[in-house]
Amino acid sequence: MFGYVTINKAELKVKDYDRYHAFYCGLCHALKKRYGRLGQFTLTYDMTFVTLLLTSLYEEKSEHLREHCMVHPASRHDIYYNKFSDYGADMNMLLTYYKLLDDWDDDRDFKALIIAGLLKRRCKRAVQENPRQAKAIKTYIVENKACENAGEKDFDKVAGCTGRMMSELLCYREDEWSQYLRQLGFYLGKFIYLMDAYDDLDKDEKDGNYNPMRQLMTAGYGKEQIDAKAYDMLMMMGTGAAAGFEKLPILENVDILRNILYSGIWGKYNERVKNKSASHEKKHCIRKLEKC
């Protein structure tokens, strides 16, 4: 479901991209340090955002390393690593572990069960050190499954499961900024869920899978109306997330974080719209040729 919280590279300065990538490598470094090679395979851009956000908010100093890795074996590359890299790694592992258990429960996916078994012992420390966040992820899995089983049609209710989970993940500790971090996380989580539903709509309709947006099809909405409805909901969630972010006193890395929140999270949406437009244009050309 995740993978939407990333940068728009085309709109980012080279120095900012290099810095973002160094934090991404720092998260990978933390996963290897805390969870071994297996942990590195769970790496996502989403938790890079969390690491960068918390580092910037709390003005945490990062250790600057230069190392080789599996992806860059020939030359050393920059790494920015700090305690929030470890926190991002913990959240990354918990999300992966509980998602694998959910895959086993849903589809009896033996591969997911085996990998979850390998991660279980490694995840114990993450659960012990982050009990509130671990509970939020487990609760999200249960609530989301209940919505799917009930065929929930209320967009706000079903997306709220992801929103509440993300609000707890972004809230590192209870302090004067926790309210705004939760606001940012809540709306960002809802954006992620709705974007994922919109992105998978055609596939889920074909396969008969649960998707809250399928009700728009059964209600007689045309494709353009569905696109407009999806855009309105996504814009509302994106605006709510941005409003929470702008209340935080962040100066360092602010251009990178704004790039993600105002542009990067829309990457999949823009790609889908572009592909649909290209497909429509192709069909239009074919019809014109058939008439000739």
Foldseek 3Di string as FASTA:
>chain_A
DDQLQAFPVVPDDPVLVLVLVQLLVQLLVLLCVQPNPLLSVLRGSVLSLLLVLVCQQVVPAWDWDWDADPVRNPGTGIHTYDVSSNLSSLLSLLLLLVVLVLCCVPPVPVVSVVSNVSSVVSNPVSCVVQVPLSVLSNQLSVQLVVCQVVLPQDLCSNLQSQLQNQLSSSQPDDDPLSVLSSQLSNLVSSLRLLLVLVLCVVVCVVVVGRGSLVVCVVVPDDPVRSLVVSVVSNVVSLVRNVVSSVVRPGDPSVVRSCSSSVPSSCVSVVVVVVVVVVVVVVVVVVVVVVVD
